[in-house]
Amino acid sequence: MVNRDEVIELVPHYVVMVLLVVVVIGIIRGTVDDLGPLVEFAIILVVVFSYRPIIARLDAVPTPALWERERRTQSGVDGEDEEIE
């Protein structure tokens, strides 16, 4: 179950992601006359889905605990459930 603190920890990342989308689309609209909604949507998807891996790889910004826990679970290394013999 996700607790309130973990969700609040994600808020700055989502704010940055929205701002990044607005800036990228603004720059592209300023340089290209008419892209069309499908191309803009594709650009938005690229920005949104590449944000998390880029942030995790850069390691410049603290990664939220929820992302770390999810990463450990997906890689099969869940520190909370392991037993040491």
Protein backbone atom coordinates (compact mmCIF):
# COMPACT_ATOMS: atom_id res chain seq x y z
CA MET A 1 0.00 0.00 0.00
CA VAL A 2 1.29 3.44 -0.88
CA ASN A 3 1.34 5.89 1.96
CA ARG A 4 0.78 9.63 1.80
CA ASP A 5 4.45 10.56 2.30
CA GLU A 6 5.52 8.50 -0.72
CA VAL A 7 2.95 10.22 -2.92
CA ILE A 8 4.00 13.66 -1.68
CA GLU A 9 7.60 12.71 -2.46
CA LEU A 10 6.58 12.21 -6.12
CA VAL A 11 4.88 15.62 -6.53
CA PRO A 12 8.06 17.60 -7.41
CA HIS A 13 8.93 15.05 -10.10
CA TYR A 14 5.50 15.34 -11.70
CA VAL A 15 5.68 19.15 -11.59
CA VAL A 16 9.08 19.07 -13.29
CA MET A 17 7.77 16.58 -15.85
CA VAL A 18 4.83 18.83 -16.75
CA LEU A 19 7.10 21.88 -17.00
CA LEU A 20 9.52 19.92 -19.16
CA VAL A 21 6.70 18.91 -21.52
CA VAL A 22 5.50 22.53 -21.77
CA VAL A 23 9.03 23.81 -22.48
CA VAL A 24 9.83 21.12 -25.06
CA ILE A 25 6.52 21.59 -26.89
CA GLY A 26 6.99 25.38 -26.73
CA ILE A 27 10.46 25.16 -28.24
CA ILE A 28 9.30 22.82 -30.97
CA ARG A 29 6.27 24.98 -31.78
CA GLY A 30 8.58 27.99 -31.99
CA THR A 31 10.88 26.32 -34.50
CA VAL A 32 8.39 24.32 -36.57
CA ASP A 33 5.24 25.91 -37.97
CA ASP A 34 2.65 23.14 -37.73
CA LEU A 35 3.39 19.75 -36.21
CA GLY A 36 -0.05 18.31 -35.78
CA PRO A 37 -1.55 16.82 -32.64
CA LEU A 38 -0.26 13.28 -33.20
CA VAL A 39 3.35 14.40 -33.45
CA GLU A 40 2.97 16.58 -30.37
CA PHE A 41 1.41 13.66 -28.50
CA ALA A 42 4.32 11.42 -29.54
CA ILE A 43 6.79 14.03 -28.25
CA ILE A 44 4.90 14.24 -24.96
CA LEU A 45 5.03 10.46 -24.59
CA VAL A 46 8.78 10.43 -25.24
CA VAL A 47 9.39 13.14 -22.63
CA VAL A 48 7.13 11.54 -20.02
CA PHE A 49 8.41 7.98 -20.41
CA SER A 50 12.07 8.97 -20.63
CA TYR A 51 11.99 11.25 -17.56
CA ARG A 52 12.12 8.52 -14.90
CA PRO A 53 14.98 6.44 -16.41
CA ILE A 54 17.02 9.57 -17.07
CA ILE A 55 16.55 10.83 -13.50
CA ALA A 56 17.40 7.40 -12.09
CA ARG A 57 20.53 7.13 -14.23
CA LEU A 58 21.77 10.68 -13.56
CA ASP A 59 21.53 10.14 -9.80
CA ALA A 60 21.71 13.93 -9.39
CA VAL A 61 18.24 14.23 -7.89
CA PRO A 62 17.13 12.03 -4.98
CA THR A 63 15.06 9.16 -6.33
CA PRO A 64 11.74 8.74 -4.54
CA ALA A 65 11.50 5.74 -2.19
CA LEU A 66 8.55 4.38 -4.15
CA TRP A 67 10.63 4.21 -7.34
CA GLU A 68 13.51 2.54 -5.49
CA ARG A 69 11.23 -0.05 -3.92
CA GLU A 70 9.62 -0.76 -7.29
CA ARG A 71 13.05 -1.09 -8.94
CA ARG A 72 14.24 -3.55 -6.30
CA THR A 73 11.06 -5.60 -6.65
CA GLN A 74 11.36 -5.77 -10.45
CA SER A 75 15.00 -6.81 -10.29
CA GLY A 76 14.19 -9.57 -7.80
CA VAL A 77 16.10 -7.94 -4.97
CA ASP A 78 13.59 -7.02 -2.32
CA GLY A 79 15.49 -6.11 0.82
CA GLU A 80 12.41 -6.17 3.03
CA ASP A 81 11.47 -9.79 2.33
CA GLU A 82 14.92 -11.36 2.32
CA GLU A 83 15.96 -13.67 5.11
CA ILE A 84 19.57 -14.17 6.04
CA GLU A 85 20.45 -17.73 7.06
